[in-house]
PDB file of N, CA and C in Angstrom:
ATOM      1  N   MET A   1      -4.886 -12.034   6.872  1.00  0.00           N
ATOM      2  CA  MET A   1      -4.937 -11.675   5.186  1.00  0.00           C
ATOM      3  C   MET A   1      -3.720 -10.924   4.852  1.00  0.00           C
ATOM      4  N   LYS A   2      -2.985 -11.142   3.871  1.00  0.00           N
ATOM      5  CA  LYS A   2      -1.519 -10.672   3.526  1.00  0.00           C
ATOM      6  C   LYS A   2      -2.220  -9.292   2.551  1.00  0.00           C
ATOM      7  N   LYS A   3      -1.332  -8.364   3.439  1.00  0.00           N
ATOM      8  CA  LYS A   3      -1.093  -6.772   2.489  1.00  0.00           C
ATOM      9  C   LYS A   3      -0.593  -6.625   1.362  1.00  0.00           C
ATOM     10  N   CYS A   4      -1.059  -6.331   0.334  1.00  0.00           N
ATOM     11  CA  CYS A   4      -0.311  -5.910  -1.115  1.00  0.00           C
ATOM     12  C   CYS A   4      -0.038  -4.471  -0.918  1.00  0.00           C
ATOM     13  N   PHE A   5       1.440  -4.316  -1.573  1.00  0.00           N
ATOM     14  CA  PHE A   5       1.230  -2.569  -1.610  1.00  0.00           C
ATOM     15  C   PHE A   5       0.954  -2.040  -2.868  1.00  0.00           C
ATOM     16  N   VAL A   6       0.422  -1.154  -2.721  1.00  0.00           N
ATOM     17  CA  VAL A   6      -0.705  -0.342  -3.648  1.00  0.00           C
ATOM     18  C   VAL A   6       0.444   0.965  -3.517  1.00  0.00           C
ATOM     19  N   GLU A   7       0.722   1.800  -4.634  1.00  0.00           N
ATOM     20  CA  GLU A   7       1.162   3.381  -4.465  1.00  0.00           C
ATOM     21  C   GLU A   7      -0.318   3.713  -4.059  1.00  0.00           C
ATOM     22  N   PRO A   8      -0.040   4.848  -3.094  1.00  0.00           N
ATOM     23  CA  PRO A   8      -1.587   5.666  -2.593  1.00  0.00           C
ATOM     24  C   PRO A   8      -1.441   6.963  -3.662  1.00  0.00           C
ATOM     25  N   THR A   9      -2.790   7.332  -4.125  1.00  0.00           N
ATOM     26  CA  THR A   9      -2.893   8.309  -4.978  1.00  0.00           C
ATOM     27  C   THR A   9      -3.589   9.093  -4.550  1.00  0.00           C
ATOM     28  N   VAL A  10      -3.327  10.192  -4.320  1.00  0.00           N
ATOM     29  CA  VAL A  10      -4.234  11.483  -3.586  1.00  0.00           C
ATOM     30  C   VAL A  10      -5.877  11.454  -4.149  1.00  0.00           C
ATOM     31  N   ILE A  11      -6.228  12.439  -3.287  1.00  0.00           N
ATOM     32  CA  ILE A  11      -7.845  12.357  -4.106  1.00  0.00           C
ATOM     33  C   ILE A  11      -8.211  13.713  -3.293  1.00  0.00           C
ATOM     34  N   ALA A  12      -7.782  14.100  -2.250  1.00  0.00           N
ATOM     35  CA  ALA A  12      -8.087  15.528  -1.932  1.00  0.00           C
ATOM     36  C   ALA A  12      -7.037  15.860  -1.041  1.00  0.00           C
ATOM     37  N   THR A  13      -6.818  17.438  -0.905  1.00  0.00           N
ATOM     38  CA  THR A  13      -5.733  18.291  -0.207  1.00  0.00           C
ATOM     39  C   THR A  13      -6.200  19.440   0.352  1.00  0.00           C
ATOM     40  N   ASN A  14      -6.126  19.698   1.766  1.00  0.00           N
ATOM     41  CA  ASN A  14      -6.603  20.873   2.686  1.00  0.00           C
ATOM     42  C   ASN A  14      -5.544  22.005   2.248  1.00  0.00           C
ATOM     43  N   PRO A  15      -5.871  23.092   1.737  1.00  0.00           N
ATOM     44  CA  PRO A  15      -5.183  24.156   1.347  1.00  0.00           C
ATOM     45  C   PRO A  15      -3.815  24.218   2.232  1.00  0.00           C
ATOM     46  N   LEU A  16      -2.604  25.080   1.827  1.00  0.00           N
ATOM     47  CA  LEU A  16      -1.546  24.769   2.901  1.00  0.00           C
ATOM     48  C   LEU A  16      -1.822  25.904   4.209  1.00  0.00           C
ATOM     49  N   SER A  17      -2.844  26.847   4.073  1.00  0.00           N
ATOM     50  CA  SER A  17      -2.896  27.819   4.916  1.00  0.00           C
ATOM     51  C   SER A  17      -4.010  27.243   6.501  1.00  0.00           C
ATOM     52  N   ILE A  18      -4.367  25.993   6.240  1.00  0.00           N
ATOM     53  CA  ILE A  18      -4.656  24.973   7.021  1.00  0.00           C
ATOM     54  C   ILE A  18      -3.826  23.975   7.322  1.00  0.00           C
ATOM     55  N   GLY A  19      -2.656  23.696   7.036  1.00  0.00           N
ATOM     56  CA  GLY A  19      -1.950  22.535   7.214  1.00  0.00           C
ATOM     57  C   GLY A  19      -1.734  21.726   6.070  1.00  0.00           C
ATOM     58  N   GLY A  20      -2.447  21.817   4.833  1.00  0.00           N
ATOM     59  CA  GLY A  20      -2.144  21.133   3.900  1.00  0.00           C
ATOM     60  C   GLY A  20      -2.256  19.170   3.867  1.00  0.00           C
ATOM     61  N   ASP A  21      -2.986  19.275   4.795  1.00  0.00           N
ATOM     62  CA  ASP A  21      -3.386  17.566   4.886  1.00  0.00           C
ATOM     63  C   ASP A  21      -3.706  16.684   3.793  1.00  0.00           C
ATOM     64  N   THR A  22      -3.694  15.710   3.733  1.00  0.00           N
ATOM     65  CA  THR A  22      -4.048  14.841   2.348  1.00  0.00           C
ATOM     66  C   THR A  22      -5.191  13.835   2.885  1.00  0.00           C
ATOM     67  N   ALA A  23      -5.899  13.353   1.827  1.00  0.00           N
ATOM     68  CA  ALA A  23      -6.446  11.848   1.705  1.00  0.00           C
ATOM     69  C   ALA A  23      -6.119  11.281   0.501  1.00  0.00           C
ATOM     70  N   ALA A  24      -5.686  10.369   0.787  1.00  0.00           N
ATOM     71  CA  ALA A  24      -5.535   9.430  -0.402  1.00  0.00           C
ATOM     72  C   ALA A  24      -6.005   8.042  -0.339  1.00  0.00           C
ATOM     73  N   GLU A  25      -5.386   7.342  -1.612  1.00  0.00           N
ATOM     74  CA  GLU A  25      -6.555   5.806  -1.509  1.00  0.00           C
ATOM     75  C   GLU A  25      -5.606   5.154  -2.225  1.00  0.00           C
ATOM     76  N   ALA A  26      -5.060   3.949  -1.650  1.00  0.00           N
ATOM     77  CA  ALA A  26      -4.386   2.325  -2.098  1.00  0.00           C
ATOM     78  C   ALA A  26      -4.862   1.244  -2.096  1.00  0.00           C
ATOM     79  N   VAL A  27      -5.564   1.378  -2.983  1.00  0.00           N
ATOM     80  CA  VAL A  27      -6.886   0.421  -3.557  1.00  0.00           C
ATOM     81  C   VAL A  27      -6.623  -0.041  -4.502  1.00  0.00           C
ATOM     82  N   PRO A  28      -6.295  -1.776  -4.950  1.00  0.00           N
ATOM     83  CA  PRO A  28      -6.056  -2.232  -5.701  1.00  0.00           C
ATOM     84  C   PRO A  28      -7.341  -2.011  -6.710  1.00  0.00           C
ATOM     85  N   ASP A  29      -7.100  -1.746  -8.543  1.00  0.00           N
ATOM     86  CA  ASP A  29      -8.110  -1.526  -9.413  1.00  0.00           C
ATOM     87  C   ASP A  29      -9.087  -3.066  -9.414  1.00  0.00           C
ATOM     88  N   GLY A  30     -10.445  -2.208  -9.475  1.00  0.00           N
ATOM     89  CA  GLY A  30     -11.446  -3.088  -9.197  1.00  0.00           C
ATOM     90  C   GLY A  30     -11.992  -3.544  -7.936  1.00  0.00           C
ATOM     91  N   TYR A  31     -10.855  -3.593  -7.301  1.00  0.00           N
ATOM     92  CA  TYR A  31     -11.654  -3.875  -5.938  1.00  0.00           C
ATOM     93  C   TYR A  31     -13.296  -3.198  -5.446  1.00  0.00           C
ATOM     94  N   THR A  32     -13.565  -4.257  -5.098  1.00  0.00           N
ATOM     95  CA  THR A  32     -15.103  -3.679  -4.646  1.00  0.00           C
ATOM     96  C   THR A  32     -15.518  -4.154  -2.748  1.00  0.00           C
ATOM     97  N   GLY A  33     -14.712  -4.456  -2.132  1.00  0.00           N
ATOM     98  CA  GLY A  33     -14.986  -5.098  -0.908  1.00  0.00           C
ATOM     99  C   GLY A  33     -14.886  -3.780   0.303  1.00  0.00           C
ATOM    100  N   ALA A  34     -14.709  -3.789   1.290  1.00  0.00           N
ATOM    101  CA  ALA A  34     -14.811  -3.041   2.459  1.00  0.00           C
ATOM    102  C   ALA A  34     -13.274  -2.522   2.342  1.00  0.00           C
ATOM    103  N   CYS A  35     -13.228  -0.818   2.730  1.00  0.00           N
ATOM    104  CA  CYS A  35     -12.089  -0.419   2.965  1.00  0.00           C
ATOM    105  C   CYS A  35     -12.187   0.541   3.907  1.00  0.00           C
ATOM    106  N   ALA A  36     -10.540   0.427   4.885  1.00  0.00           N
ATOM    107  CA  ALA A  36     -10.395   1.082   5.968  1.00  0.00           C
ATOM    108  C   ALA A  36     -10.080   2.098   5.832  1.00  0.00           C
ATOM    109  N   VAL A  37     -10.301   3.518   6.691  1.00  0.00           N
ATOM    110  CA  VAL A  37      -9.677   4.844   6.429  1.00  0.00           C
ATOM    111  C   VAL A  37      -8.811   5.025   8.056  1.00  0.00           C
ATOM    112  N   VAL A  38      -7.513   4.909   7.427  1.00  0.00           N
ATOM    113  CA  VAL A  38      -6.284   5.105   8.324  1.00  0.00           C
ATOM    114  C   VAL A  38      -5.498   6.278   8.418  1.00  0.00           C
ATOM    115  N   PRO A  39      -5.219   7.017   9.656  1.00  0.00           N
ATOM    116  CA  PRO A  39      -4.129   8.119   9.859  1.00  0.00           C
ATOM    117  C   PRO A  39      -3.023   7.476   8.939  1.00  0.00           C
ATOM    118  N   VAL A  40      -2.270   8.732   8.443  1.00  0.00           N
ATOM    119  CA  VAL A  40      -0.568   8.430   7.818  1.00  0.00           C
ATOM    120  C   VAL A  40       0.362   8.651   8.978  1.00  0.00           C
ATOM    121  N   SER A  41       0.016   9.069   9.980  1.00  0.00           N
ATOM    122  CA  SER A  41       0.710   9.227  10.744  1.00  0.00           C
ATOM    123  C   SER A  41       1.579   8.149  11.887  1.00  0.00           C
ATOM    124  N   GLY A  42       1.289   6.878  11.217  1.00  0.00           N
ATOM    125  CA  GLY A  42       1.780   6.047  11.619  1.00  0.00           C
ATOM    126  C   GLY A  42       1.186   4.934  12.551  1.00  0.00           C
ATOM    127  N   SER A  43      -0.271   5.608  12.754  1.00  0.00           N
ATOM    128  CA  SER A  43      -0.452   4.927  14.368  1.00  0.00           C
ATOM    129  C   SER A  43      -1.704   3.490  14.000  1.00  0.00           C
ATOM    130  N   ASP A  44      -1.632   2.635  14.367  1.00  0.00           N
ATOM    131  CA  ASP A  44      -2.127   1.367  13.469  1.00  0.00           C
ATOM    132  C   ASP A  44      -3.828   1.465  13.819  1.00  0.00           C
ATOM    133  N   ASN A  45      -4.310   2.742  14.401  1.00  0.00           N
ATOM    134  CA  ASN A  45      -5.551   2.469  14.618  1.00  0.00           C
ATOM    135  C   ASN A  45      -6.556   2.924  13.476  1.00  0.00           C
ATOM    136  N   VAL A  46      -7.384   2.258  13.478  1.00  0.00           N
ATOM    137  CA  VAL A  46      -8.206   2.440  12.233  1.00  0.00           C
ATOM    138  C   VAL A  46      -9.468   3.805  12.286  1.00  0.00           C
ATOM    139  N   ILE A  47      -9.864   4.491  11.603  1.00  0.00           N
ATOM    140  CA  ILE A  47     -10.836   5.388  12.003  1.00  0.00           C
ATOM    141  C   ILE A  47     -12.147   4.956  11.297  1.00  0.00           C
ATOM    142  N   ALA A  48     -12.452   4.182  10.493  1.00  0.00           N
ATOM    143  CA  ALA A  48     -13.805   3.592  10.200  1.00  0.00           C
ATOM    144  C   ALA A  48     -13.498   2.347   9.250  1.00  0.00           C
ATOM    145  N   VAL A  49     -14.017   1.692   8.905  1.00  0.00           N
ATOM    146  CA  VAL A  49     -14.336   0.843   8.186  1.00  0.00           C
ATOM    147  C   VAL A  49     -15.402   0.871   7.221  1.00  0.00           C
ATOM    148  N   LEU A  50     -15.231   1.106   6.288  1.00  0.00           N
ATOM    149  CA  LEU A  50     -16.710   1.538   5.112  1.00  0.00           C
ATOM    150  C   LEU A  50     -17.013   0.239   4.141  1.00  0.00           C
ATOM    151  N   PRO A  51     -18.119   0.036   3.940  1.00  0.00           N
ATOM    152  CA  PRO A  51     -18.513  -1.112   3.400  1.00  0.00           C
ATOM    153  C   PRO A  51     -17.837  -0.962   1.774  1.00  0.00           C
ATOM    154  N   SER A  52     -17.864   0.568   1.229  1.00  0.00           N
ATOM    155  CA  SER A  52     -17.413   0.153  -0.324  1.00  0.00           C
ATOM    156  C   SER A  52     -16.387   1.889  -0.124  1.00  0.00           C
ATOM    157  N   LEU A  53     -15.408   1.768  -1.603  1.00  0.00           N
ATOM    158  CA  LEU A  53     -14.574   2.561  -1.606  1.00  0.00           C
ATOM    159  C   LEU A  53     -15.122   4.094  -1.846  1.00  0.00           C
ATOM    160  N   ASN A  54     -16.456   4.246  -2.195  1.00  0.00           N
ATOM    161  CA  ASN A  54     -17.068   5.426  -2.321  1.00  0.00           C
ATOM    162  C   ASN A  54     -17.216   6.402  -0.911  1.00  0.00           C
ATOM    163  N   GLU A  55     -18.147   5.347  -0.278  1.00  0.00           N
ATOM    164  CA  GLU A  55     -18.371   5.895   1.070  1.00  0.00           C
ATOM    165  C   GLU A  55     -16.631   6.066   1.950  1.00  0.00           C
ATOM    166  N   ALA A  56     -15.582   4.862   1.795  1.00  0.00           N
ATOM    167  CA  ALA A  56     -14.519   5.564   2.506  1.00  0.00           C
ATOM    168  C   ALA A  56     -14.711   6.956   1.983  1.00  0.00           C
ATOM    169  N   ARG A  57     -14.509   6.921   0.661  1.00  0.00           N
ATOM    170  CA  ARG A  57     -13.749   8.452  -0.125  1.00  0.00           C
ATOM    171  C   ARG A  57     -14.422   9.847   0.611  1.00  0.00           C
ATOM    172  N   ARG A  58     -15.540   9.463   1.012  1.00  0.00           N
ATOM    173  CA  ARG A  58     -16.042  10.625   1.808  1.00  0.00           C
ATOM    174  C   ARG A  58     -15.753  11.048   3.375  1.00  0.00           C
ATOM    175  N   VAL A  59     -15.844   9.608   3.808  1.00  0.00           N
ATOM    176  CA  VAL A  59     -15.156  10.268   4.969  1.00  0.00           C
ATOM    177  C   VAL A  59     -13.520  10.508   5.134  1.00  0.00           C
ATOM    178  N   ALA A  60     -12.874   9.731   4.700  1.00  0.00           N
ATOM    179  CA  ALA A  60     -11.418  10.032   4.171  1.00  0.00           C
ATOM    180  C   ALA A  60     -11.152  11.915   3.612  1.00  0.00           C
ATOM    181  N   ARG A  61     -12.233  12.547   3.018  1.00  0.00           N
ATOM    182  CA  ARG A  61     -12.533  13.572   2.436  1.00  0.00           C
ATOM    183  C   ARG A  61     -12.777  14.780   3.606  1.00  0.00           C
ATOM    184  N   TYR A  62     -13.466  14.066   4.548  1.00  0.00           N
ATOM    185  CA  TYR A  62     -13.731  15.071   5.880  1.00  0.00           C
ATOM    186  C   TYR A  62     -12.917  14.731   7.065  1.00  0.00           C
ATOM    187  N   ALA A  63     -12.124  13.369   7.020  1.00  0.00           N
ATOM    188  CA  ALA A  63     -11.761  13.339   8.083  1.00  0.00           C
ATOM    189  C   ALA A  63     -10.006  14.088   7.981  1.00  0.00           C
ATOM    190  N   LYS A  64      -9.734  14.292   6.964  1.00  0.00           N
ATOM    191  CA  LYS A  64      -8.670  14.580   6.688  1.00  0.00           C
ATOM    192  C   LYS A  64      -8.470  16.592   7.257  1.00  0.00           C
ATOM    193  N   THR A  65     -10.015  17.120   7.047  1.00  0.00           N
ATOM    194  CA  THR A  65      -9.919  18.485   7.618  1.00  0.00           C
ATOM    195  C   THR A  65      -9.981  19.153   9.116  1.00  0.00           C
ATOM    196  N   PRO A  66      -9.446  20.387   8.863  1.00  0.00           N
ATOM    197  CA  PRO A  66      -9.642  20.748  10.596  1.00  0.00           C
ATOM    198  C   PRO A  66     -11.006  19.946  11.632  1.00  0.00           C
ATOM    199  N   ASP A  67     -12.327  19.841  10.985  1.00  0.00           N
ATOM    200  CA  ASP A  67     -13.058  19.578  11.565  1.00  0.00           C
ATOM    201  C   ASP A  67     -13.143  17.977  11.845  1.00  0.00           C
ATOM    202  N   GLY A  68     -12.657  17.319  10.828  1.00  0.00           N
ATOM    203  CA  GLY A  68     -12.732  16.287  11.052  1.00  0.00           C
ATOM    204  C   GLY A  68     -11.221  15.416  12.344  1.00  0.00           C
ATOM    205  N   GLY A  69     -10.775  15.811  12.286  1.00  0.00           N
ATOM    206  CA  GLY A  69      -9.402  16.007  13.248  1.00  0.00           C
ATOM    207  C   GLY A  69      -8.245  14.925  12.993  1.00  0.00           C
ATOM    208  N   TYR A  70      -8.144  14.333  11.599  1.00  0.00           N
ATOM    209  CA  TYR A  70      -7.146  12.967  11.504  1.00  0.00           C
ATOM    210  C   TYR A  70      -6.127  13.936  10.952  1.00  0.00           C
ATOM    211  N   GLY A  71      -5.943  15.029  10.595  1.00  0.00           N
ATOM    212  CA  GLY A  71      -4.552  15.015   9.587  1.00  0.00           C
ATOM    213  C   GLY A  71      -4.914  14.234   8.259  1.00  0.00           C
ATOM    214  N   SER A  72      -3.274  13.827   7.605  1.00  0.00           N
ATOM    215  CA  SER A  72      -3.812  13.024   6.764  1.00  0.00           C
ATOM    216  C   SER A  72      -3.786  11.846   6.879  1.00  0.00           C
ATOM    217  N   VAL A  73      -4.931  11.031   5.796  1.00  0.00           N
ATOM    218  CA  VAL A  73      -5.454  10.133   6.237  1.00  0.00           C
ATOM    219  C   VAL A  73      -5.134   8.965   4.953  1.00  0.00           C
ATOM    220  N   VAL A  74      -5.279   7.911   4.620  1.00  0.00           N
ATOM    221  CA  VAL A  74      -4.948   7.108   3.705  1.00  0.00           C
ATOM    222  C   VAL A  74      -6.421   5.565   3.634  1.00  0.00           C
ATOM    223  N   ILE A  75      -6.943   5.492   2.602  1.00  0.00           N
ATOM    224  CA  ILE A  75      -7.708   4.175   2.334  1.00  0.00           C
ATOM    225  C   ILE A  75      -6.864   3.316   2.187  1.00  0.00           C
ATOM    226  N   GLU A  76      -7.202   2.102   2.694  1.00  0.00           N
ATOM    227  CA  GLU A  76      -6.632   0.703   2.512  1.00  0.00           C
ATOM    228  C   GLU A  76      -8.037  -0.240   2.095  1.00  0.00           C
ATOM    229  N   ALA A  77      -7.963  -1.248   1.176  1.00  0.00           N
ATOM    230  CA  ALA A  77      -8.451  -2.422   1.030  1.00  0.00           C
ATOM    231  C   ALA A  77      -8.086  -3.511   2.896  1.00  0.00           C
ATOM    232  N   THR A  78      -9.551  -3.783   3.142  1.00  0.00           N
ATOM    233  CA  THR A  78      -9.414  -4.411   4.353  1.00  0.00           C
ATOM    234  C   THR A  78     -10.108  -5.714   4.419  1.00  0.00           C
ATOM    235  N   SER A  79     -10.171  -6.731   5.573  1.00  0.00           N
ATOM    236  CA  SER A  79     -11.173  -7.662   5.873  1.00  0.00           C
ATOM    237  C   SER A  79     -11.822  -7.468   6.944  1.00  0.00           C
ATOM    238  N   GLN A  80     -11.503  -6.545   7.449  1.00  0.00           N
ATOM    239  CA  GLN A  80     -12.112  -6.322   9.141  1.00  0.00           C
ATOM    240  C   GLN A  80     -13.562  -5.922   8.734  1.00  0.00           C
ATOM    241  N   PRO A  81     -14.187  -6.179   9.868  1.00  0.00           N
ATOM    242  CA  PRO A  81     -15.425  -5.781   9.457  1.00  0.00           C
ATOM    243  C   PRO A  81     -16.057  -4.492   9.441  1.00  0.00           C
ATOM    244  N   VAL A  82     -17.130  -3.926   8.456  1.00  0.00           N
ATOM    245  CA  VAL A  82     -17.649  -2.670   8.724  1.00  0.00           C
ATOM    246  C   VAL A  82     -17.801  -2.181  10.072  1.00  0.00           C
ATOM    247  N   THR A  83     -17.367  -0.695  10.354  1.00  0.00           N
ATOM    248  CA  THR A  83     -18.205  -0.085  11.454  1.00  0.00           C
ATOM    249  C   THR A  83     -18.660   0.925  11.139  1.00  0.00           C
ATOM    250  N   HIS A  84     -19.056   1.427  10.114  1.00  0.00           N
ATOM    251  CA  HIS A  84     -20.033   2.852   9.655  1.00  0.00           C
ATOM    252  C   HIS A  84     -20.252   1.720   8.169  1.00  0.00           C
ATOM    253  N   GLU A  85     -21.594   2.451   8.249  1.00  0.00           N
ATOM    254  CA  GLU A  85     -22.104   2.014   6.559  1.00  0.00           C
ATOM    255  C   GLU A  85     -22.088   3.709   5.829  1.00  0.00           C
ATOM    256  N   THR A  86     -21.833   4.955   6.457  1.00  0.00           N
ATOM    257  CA  THR A  86     -21.936   6.187   5.742  1.00  0.00           C
ATOM    258  C   THR A  86     -21.201   7.020   6.481  1.00  0.00           C
ATOM    259  N   LEU A  87     -20.942   7.682   5.811  1.00  0.00           N
ATOM    260  CA  LEU A  87     -20.230   9.145   6.358  1.00  0.00           C
ATOM    261  C   LEU A  87     -20.726   9.860   7.161  1.00  0.00           C
ATOM    262  N   GLU A  88     -22.505   9.848   7.001  1.00  0.00           N
ATOM    263  CA  GLU A  88     -23.152  10.081   8.258  1.00  0.00           C
ATOM    264  C   GLU A  88     -23.322   9.700   9.491  1.00  0.00           C
ATOM    265  N   ASP A  89     -23.481   8.324   9.060  1.00  0.00           N
ATOM    266  CA  ASP A  89     -22.862   7.386  10.499  1.00  0.00           C
ATOM    267  C   ASP A  89     -21.909   7.577  10.715  1.00  0.00           C
ATOM    268  N   TRP A  90     -20.739   8.054  10.487  1.00  0.00           N
ATOM    269  CA  TRP A  90     -19.485   8.038  11.138  1.00  0.00           C
ATOM    270  C   TRP A  90     -19.605   9.218  11.934  1.00  0.00           C
ATOM    271  N   ILE A  91     -20.081  10.325  11.426  1.00  0.00           N
ATOM    272  CA  ILE A  91     -20.155  11.788  11.912  1.00  0.00           C
ATOM    273  C   ILE A  91     -21.133  11.710  13.068  1.00  0.00           C
TER     274      ILE A  91
END
């Protein structure tokens, strides 16, 4: 699948006192498929693939926190198979 570039939009930010990590989404308007949450660190690892943008947002908001442990993350459209149905499944 060819990736198209979508400018990321920040959806959540940690306070600077705990690192200031962000969760962002780079998904085309109107997209309704699976979404991958990936670290911004440059790693090719996928944290999770969720069936919807709303569930991916929930995972991304948690993943960026100290408890989530991933630092800054971005949500991308993907054709990869779903790995988790919900935030609760992922945790």
